[in-house]
Every structure is written in structure tokens, then in C-alpha cells.
N, C-alpha and C. Protein backbone atom coordinates (compact mmCIF):
# COMPACT_ATOMS: atom_id res chain seq x y z
N MET A 1 14.48 -9.39 -1.24
CA MET A 1 14.29 -8.41 -0.63
C MET A 1 15.67 -7.34 -0.69
N ALA A 2 15.78 -6.18 -1.08
CA ALA A 2 16.65 -4.84 -0.70
C ALA A 2 16.66 -5.08 1.01
N LYS A 3 17.72 -4.35 1.11
CA LYS A 3 18.02 -3.70 2.35
C LYS A 3 17.81 -3.38 2.51
N LEU A 4 17.53 -2.71 3.56
CA LEU A 4 16.46 -1.56 4.43
C LEU A 4 18.20 -0.89 4.83
N ALA A 5 17.63 0.73 4.79
CA ALA A 5 18.74 1.55 5.59
C ALA A 5 18.03 1.39 6.79
N ASP A 6 19.30 2.31 7.37
CA ASP A 6 19.22 2.73 9.22
C ASP A 6 17.74 2.92 9.72
N ASN A 7 17.45 4.52 8.18
CA ASN A 7 16.91 5.41 8.48
C ASN A 7 15.30 5.16 8.06
N GLU A 8 15.35 3.63 7.82
CA GLU A 8 14.07 3.43 6.98
C GLU A 8 13.01 2.07 7.81
N VAL A 9 11.71 2.42 7.24
CA VAL A 9 11.06 0.88 7.95
C VAL A 9 10.41 0.57 7.09
N ARG A 10 9.43 -0.79 6.72
CA ARG A 10 8.88 -1.07 5.78
C ARG A 10 7.62 -2.47 6.29
N ALA A 11 6.87 -2.15 5.45
CA ALA A 11 5.37 -2.42 6.13
C ALA A 11 4.83 -3.76 4.81
N VAL A 12 4.15 -4.82 4.48
CA VAL A 12 4.05 -5.49 3.57
C VAL A 12 2.44 -5.26 3.84
N LEU A 13 1.19 -5.44 2.58
CA LEU A 13 0.48 -6.03 3.33
C LEU A 13 0.50 -7.25 2.18
N ARG A 14 0.02 -8.46 2.19
CA ARG A 14 0.07 -9.75 1.14
C ARG A 14 -1.46 -10.32 0.74
N TYR A 15 -1.71 -10.54 -0.38
CA TYR A 15 -2.97 -11.27 -0.54
C TYR A 15 -4.33 -10.25 -0.40
N LEU A 16 -4.29 -8.65 -0.75
CA LEU A 16 -5.25 -7.18 -0.65
C LEU A 16 -6.27 -8.41 -2.22
N ARG A 17 -7.47 -8.74 -1.84
CA ARG A 17 -8.10 -8.83 -2.57
C ARG A 17 -9.36 -7.89 -3.54
N MET A 18 -7.75 -6.90 -4.45
CA MET A 18 -8.23 -6.58 -5.12
C MET A 18 -7.08 -5.91 -6.47
N SER A 19 -7.49 -5.53 -7.77
CA SER A 19 -6.69 -5.64 -8.55
C SER A 19 -5.47 -4.73 -8.53
N PRO A 20 -4.90 -4.97 -8.83
CA PRO A 20 -3.44 -4.25 -8.58
C PRO A 20 -3.32 -2.65 -9.39
N GLN A 21 -4.40 -3.31 -10.31
CA GLN A 21 -4.26 -1.63 -11.92
C GLN A 21 -5.45 -0.32 -10.55
N LYS A 22 -6.48 -0.84 -10.11
CA LYS A 22 -6.82 -0.38 -9.47
C LYS A 22 -6.55 0.24 -7.48
N VAL A 23 -5.69 -0.64 -7.36
CA VAL A 23 -4.64 -0.90 -6.00
C VAL A 23 -3.54 0.11 -6.60
N ARG A 24 -3.01 0.57 -7.49
CA ARG A 24 -1.75 1.81 -8.22
C ARG A 24 -2.52 3.02 -7.80
N LEU A 25 -3.57 3.25 -8.54
CA LEU A 25 -4.27 4.51 -8.48
C LEU A 25 -4.34 5.61 -7.62
N VAL A 26 -3.87 4.49 -6.41
CA VAL A 26 -4.10 5.31 -4.64
C VAL A 26 -3.02 5.13 -4.22
N ALA A 27 -1.88 4.43 -4.84
CA ALA A 27 -0.76 4.62 -4.18
C ALA A 27 0.06 5.49 -5.12
N ASP A 28 -0.23 5.77 -6.23
CA ASP A 28 0.29 7.38 -6.75
C ASP A 28 -0.60 8.46 -5.64
N LEU A 29 -1.52 8.65 -5.54
CA LEU A 29 -1.23 9.31 -4.70
C LEU A 29 -0.60 10.00 -3.70
N VAL A 30 -0.02 8.80 -2.75
CA VAL A 30 0.60 9.30 -1.62
C VAL A 30 2.02 8.72 -1.93
N ARG A 31 2.25 8.67 -3.28
CA ARG A 31 4.06 8.70 -3.50
C ARG A 31 4.69 9.60 -2.50
N GLY A 32 5.83 9.65 -2.21
CA GLY A 32 6.52 10.83 -1.77
C GLY A 32 6.06 11.93 -1.12
N LYS A 33 4.95 11.62 0.09
CA LYS A 33 4.22 12.23 0.71
C LYS A 33 4.82 12.76 1.94
N ASN A 34 4.84 13.31 2.57
CA ASN A 34 4.73 13.24 4.23
C ASN A 34 3.83 11.46 4.96
N ALA A 35 3.85 11.25 5.91
CA ALA A 35 3.38 10.09 6.32
C ALA A 35 2.26 10.53 6.87
N LEU A 36 2.13 11.38 7.99
CA LEU A 36 0.69 11.70 8.53
C LEU A 36 -0.01 12.59 7.38
N GLU A 37 0.92 12.95 6.77
CA GLU A 37 -0.67 14.02 5.22
C GLU A 37 -0.87 13.27 4.41
N ALA A 38 -0.42 11.81 4.07
CA ALA A 38 -0.72 10.99 3.24
C ALA A 38 -2.52 10.28 3.98
N LEU A 39 -1.78 10.18 5.46
CA LEU A 39 -3.07 9.64 5.70
C LEU A 39 -4.31 10.54 5.85
N THR A 40 -4.20 11.33 6.29
CA THR A 40 -5.27 13.00 5.98
C THR A 40 -5.74 12.71 4.58
N LEU A 41 -5.31 12.33 3.32
CA LEU A 41 -5.77 12.46 1.92
C LEU A 41 -5.98 11.11 1.89
N LEU A 42 -5.61 9.79 2.45
CA LEU A 42 -6.34 8.65 1.96
C LEU A 42 -7.25 8.33 2.96
N ARG A 43 -7.96 8.94 4.35
CA ARG A 43 -9.52 9.10 4.41
C ARG A 43 -9.96 9.36 3.95
N PHE A 44 -10.07 11.14 2.81
CA PHE A 44 -11.09 11.24 2.14
C PHE A 44 -11.02 10.97 0.63
N THR A 45 -9.92 10.07 0.11
CA THR A 45 -10.40 9.66 -0.62
C THR A 45 -11.06 8.80 -1.31
N PRO A 46 -11.87 8.79 -2.43
CA PRO A 46 -13.33 7.70 -2.50
C PRO A 46 -13.13 6.82 -3.18
N LYS A 47 -12.50 6.11 -3.07
CA LYS A 47 -12.01 4.80 -3.58
C LYS A 47 -11.01 3.34 -2.55
N ALA A 48 -12.43 2.21 -3.24
CA ALA A 48 -12.15 1.30 -1.89
C ALA A 48 -10.41 0.81 -1.93
N ALA A 49 -9.41 0.58 -2.55
CA ALA A 49 -8.34 0.72 -2.34
C ALA A 49 -8.06 1.84 -1.13
N ALA A 50 -7.90 2.78 -0.74
CA ALA A 50 -8.02 3.86 0.25
C ALA A 50 -8.01 3.31 1.48
N GLU A 51 -8.95 2.46 2.22
CA GLU A 51 -8.75 2.12 2.92
C GLU A 51 -7.74 0.95 3.48
N PRO A 52 -7.52 -0.09 2.50
CA PRO A 52 -6.03 -1.31 3.27
C PRO A 52 -4.95 0.04 3.35
N ILE A 53 -4.95 0.82 2.25
CA ILE A 53 -3.13 1.28 1.99
C ILE A 53 -3.20 2.22 3.30
N SER A 54 -4.67 3.09 3.62
CA SER A 54 -4.68 3.76 4.53
C SER A 54 -3.66 3.03 6.14
N LYS A 55 -4.62 1.87 6.42
CA LYS A 55 -4.09 0.85 7.31
C LYS A 55 -2.33 0.66 7.36
N LEU A 56 -2.25 0.29 6.35
CA LEU A 56 -0.61 0.27 5.97
C LEU A 56 0.20 1.10 6.44
N VAL A 57 -0.37 2.09 5.81
CA VAL A 57 1.45 2.66 6.17
C VAL A 57 0.72 3.63 7.26
N ALA A 58 -0.14 3.28 8.49
CA ALA A 58 -0.85 3.76 10.02
C ALA A 58 0.02 2.33 10.83
N SER A 59 0.30 1.17 9.94
CA SER A 59 1.12 0.40 10.55
C SER A 59 2.39 0.48 10.87
N ALA A 60 3.10 1.11 9.19
CA ALA A 60 4.23 1.23 8.83
C ALA A 60 4.58 2.40 9.93
N VAL A 61 3.76 3.25 9.69
CA VAL A 61 4.20 4.62 10.52
C VAL A 61 3.99 4.29 12.75
N ALA A 62 3.72 3.69 12.84
CA ALA A 62 3.14 2.59 14.71
C ALA A 62 4.34 2.32 14.72
N ASN A 63 5.01 0.86 13.74
CA ASN A 63 6.51 0.32 13.57
C ASN A 63 7.16 1.09 13.11
N ALA A 64 7.40 2.35 12.92
CA ALA A 64 8.81 3.29 13.23
C ALA A 64 8.57 3.59 14.71
N VAL A 65 7.34 4.13 15.07
CA VAL A 65 7.35 5.14 16.38
C VAL A 65 8.34 4.21 17.32
N GLU A 66 7.21 2.50 17.63
CA GLU A 66 8.05 2.36 18.23
C GLU A 66 9.01 1.19 18.22
N ASN A 67 9.37 0.56 17.32
CA ASN A 67 10.72 -0.29 17.11
C ASN A 67 11.96 0.60 17.33
N LYS A 68 11.41 2.06 15.91
CA LYS A 68 12.88 2.97 15.95
C LYS A 68 13.14 3.50 16.36
N GLN A 69 11.79 3.69 17.24
CA GLN A 69 11.87 5.21 17.82
C GLN A 69 12.05 7.14 17.27
N PHE A 70 11.53 6.38 15.91
CA PHE A 70 11.81 7.60 14.89
C PHE A 70 10.05 8.59 15.05
N ASP A 71 10.05 9.94 14.65
CA ASP A 71 9.50 11.10 14.96
C ASP A 71 8.63 10.99 13.74
N ALA A 72 7.39 10.35 14.19
CA ALA A 72 6.20 9.92 13.50
C ALA A 72 5.91 12.01 12.42
N GLU A 73 6.46 12.51 12.91
CA GLU A 73 6.10 14.31 11.71
C GLU A 73 7.24 13.74 10.76
N ASP A 74 8.50 13.44 10.90
CA ASP A 74 9.75 13.44 9.70
C ASP A 74 9.72 12.20 9.19
N LEU A 75 8.51 11.35 8.94
CA LEU A 75 8.51 10.24 8.00
C LEU A 75 7.83 10.60 6.79
N VAL A 76 9.13 9.96 5.59
CA VAL A 76 7.80 10.17 4.26
C VAL A 76 8.37 9.05 3.61
N ILE A 77 6.77 8.48 2.84
CA ILE A 77 7.00 7.79 1.86
C ILE A 77 7.68 7.81 0.78
N SER A 78 8.76 6.75 0.98
CA SER A 78 10.15 6.81 -0.04
C SER A 78 9.41 5.99 -1.60
N GLN A 79 9.18 4.78 -0.78
CA GLN A 79 8.86 3.63 -1.94
C GLN A 79 7.27 3.23 -1.43
N ILE A 80 6.46 2.96 -2.59
CA ILE A 80 5.20 2.39 -2.24
C ILE A 80 5.02 1.64 -3.32
N TYR A 81 4.87 0.59 -3.80
CA TYR A 81 4.62 -0.12 -5.04
C TYR A 81 3.50 -1.49 -4.79
N VAL A 82 3.09 -1.96 -5.89
CA VAL A 82 1.76 -2.83 -5.93
C VAL A 82 2.60 -3.93 -6.67
N ASP A 83 2.70 -5.48 -6.64
CA ASP A 83 3.21 -6.14 -7.34
C ASP A 83 1.69 -7.44 -7.18
N CYS A 84 1.42 -8.12 -8.53
CA CYS A 84 0.73 -8.99 -8.57
C CYS A 84 0.99 -10.04 -7.65
N ALA A 85 -0.54 -10.55 -7.05
CA ALA A 85 -0.62 -11.76 -5.99
C ALA A 85 -1.18 -12.89 -6.97
N PRO A 86 -1.59 -14.05 -6.48
CA PRO A 86 -2.63 -15.35 -7.11
C PRO A 86 -3.40 -15.27 -7.87
N ILE A 87 -3.72 -15.08 -9.01
CA ILE A 87 -4.98 -14.61 -9.52
C ILE A 87 -5.87 -16.24 -9.79
N ARG A 88 -6.89 -15.91 -9.06
CA ARG A 88 -8.27 -16.76 -8.48
C ARG A 88 -9.33 -17.48 -10.05
N PRO A 89 -8.65 -18.22 -10.56
CA PRO A 89 -9.99 -18.63 -12.09
C PRO A 89 -11.57 -18.80 -11.10
N TRP A 90 -12.12 -18.33 -11.50
CA TRP A 90 -13.76 -18.30 -11.21
C TRP A 90 -14.46 -18.28 -12.56
N ARG A 91 -15.71 -18.36 -12.12
CA ARG A 91 -16.56 -18.43 -13.97
C ARG A 91 -17.78 -18.31 -13.00
N ARG A 92 -18.83 -17.75 -14.69
CA ARG A 92 -19.89 -16.94 -14.04
C ARG A 92 -20.61 -17.84 -15.23
N PHE A 93 -21.85 -17.97 -14.65
CA PHE A 93 -22.82 -18.93 -15.66
C PHE A 93 -23.51 -17.89 -15.96
N ALA A 94 -23.91 -18.56 -17.66
CA ALA A 94 -24.06 -17.80 -18.83
C ALA A 94 -25.22 -18.56 -19.20
N ALA A 95 -25.94 -18.09 -20.57
CA ALA A 95 -27.16 -18.78 -20.74
C ALA A 95 -26.82 -20.54 -21.13
N ARG A 96 -27.40 -20.42 -21.43
CA ARG A 96 -27.40 -22.01 -22.21
C ARG A 96 -26.18 -23.12 -21.92
N GLY A 97 -26.18 -22.86 -20.72
CA GLY A 97 -25.23 -24.45 -19.91
C GLY A 97 -24.32 -23.81 -20.13
N ARG A 98 -23.76 -22.81 -20.27
CA ARG A 98 -22.20 -22.59 -20.13
C ARG A 98 -21.87 -21.50 -19.44
N PHE A 99 -20.32 -21.11 -18.94
CA PHE A 99 -19.83 -20.21 -18.41
C PHE A 99 -18.66 -19.24 -19.22
N ARG A 100 -19.19 -17.94 -18.43
CA ARG A 100 -18.17 -16.88 -18.55
C ARG A 100 -16.71 -17.41 -17.16
N PRO A 101 -15.04 -17.35 -18.04
CA PRO A 101 -14.33 -17.67 -17.35
C PRO A 101 -14.02 -16.32 -16.20
N ILE A 102 -13.55 -16.28 -15.05
CA ILE A 102 -13.09 -14.40 -14.32
C ILE A 102 -12.33 -14.85 -14.07
N LYS A 103 -11.15 -13.85 -14.03
CA LYS A 103 -9.95 -14.00 -13.40
C LYS A 103 -10.11 -12.73 -12.27
N ARG A 104 -10.22 -13.38 -10.84
CA ARG A 104 -10.42 -12.81 -9.51
C ARG A 104 -8.54 -12.23 -9.67
N ARG A 105 -8.09 -11.13 -9.22
CA ARG A 105 -7.09 -10.77 -9.40
C ARG A 105 -7.11 -9.86 -7.49
N SER A 106 -5.51 -10.56 -7.16
CA SER A 106 -5.26 -9.91 -5.74
C SER A 106 -3.69 -9.02 -6.00
N SER A 107 -3.46 -8.84 -5.13
CA SER A 107 -2.37 -7.87 -4.87
C SER A 107 -0.85 -7.75 -3.68
N HIS A 108 0.35 -7.43 -3.86
CA HIS A 108 0.48 -7.60 -2.34
C HIS A 108 1.18 -5.97 -2.89
N VAL A 109 0.82 -5.26 -1.74
CA VAL A 109 1.32 -3.97 -1.35
C VAL A 109 2.10 -3.92 -0.45
N THR A 110 3.73 -3.01 -1.07
CA THR A 110 4.80 -2.81 0.51
C THR A 110 4.89 -1.25 -0.02
N VAL A 111 5.19 -0.77 1.67
CA VAL A 111 5.73 0.61 1.70
C VAL A 111 6.36 1.03 2.48
N VAL A 112 7.74 2.04 2.15
CA VAL A 112 8.35 1.52 2.40
C VAL A 112 8.78 3.33 3.45
N LEU A 113 8.67 3.99 4.27
CA LEU A 113 8.52 4.69 5.54
C LEU A 113 10.11 5.32 5.38
N ARG A 114 11.13 6.13 5.59
CA ARG A 114 12.36 6.96 5.17
C ARG A 114 12.22 8.15 6.25
N GLN A 115 13.00 8.40 7.00
CA GLN A 115 13.36 9.69 8.83
C GLN A 115 13.80 10.30 7.54
N GLN A 116 13.11 11.66 7.70
CA GLN A 116 13.52 12.70 6.70
C GLN A 116 14.33 13.16 7.76
N THR A 117 15.66 14.16 7.70
CA THR A 117 16.36 14.06 8.31
C THR A 117 16.78 16.42 8.05
N ASP A 118 17.15 16.84 9.16
CA ASP A 118 16.97 18.39 8.96
C ASP A 118 17.16 18.47 7.45
N ALA A 119 18.91 18.52 7.22
CA ALA A 119 19.78 18.50 6.05
C ALA A 119 18.70 18.49 4.49
N GLU A 120 17.99 17.24 4.62
CA GLU A 120 17.32 17.15 3.67
C GLU A 120 15.34 17.89 3.48
N ALA A 121 14.95 18.42 4.30
CA ALA A 121 14.27 19.17 4.38
C ALA A 121 13.86 20.29 3.79
């Protein structure tokens, strides 16, 4: 993993039981936005991936406020990316004693918050 700057905080969600393709749709909505604005946006997003991503961003904000004494209003989502996690092979039974293979996909989500300074705003 890359080294974080002094004004950045990272939070990771691993083994989310949801396809990375579906999670990336929600991650693209909040990339580059203010963290509190992103939480409000995720609250009203009608996708299943919005809830775990909302919890992840809220956790990153809480970590930044508690551990690094950042101001919550100054935090911006500088990076959010979704990677593939292990794929579980599964099967669904079909007609005539056969079965159809299914891939149960999961994903790892990483969010990096950056404290925005007055000069950047």
C-alpha cells in the first residue's frame, strides 16, 4: 500500500459480499466530494451498496476526527476504489439432475480522506 500523507486518513472494508461492478457505481457518485456531503448523498441513494459505503465513509470521518484531530467539514474523499475479493464457486440445481455454476463475487473497498486546506478551497 502507498504511504499516506500527513493530511490523509484511510479506511478499508474487506470481503463485502457484493459484486465490485455494483459497488463501483456507488463509489463513482461520491469520489471527489466533501465527506459530509457524500454521506448525505449516500443516505438517499437507492442502491444496496450505498449502505456499506456510507458506513465506511462515516468510519473514516470518525477516525480522522478522533485520531488526527481533523475538522469533519474540511474532509474530502480524495480516493475511493473497489477491488475484487475472492470469488466463491456456487451451484444452482437445474433440470434433469444437472447444475449450473454460479460465481459469488465479493469486493474490497478502500476510501482515502484528505483534509482540505484553506488554500485548496
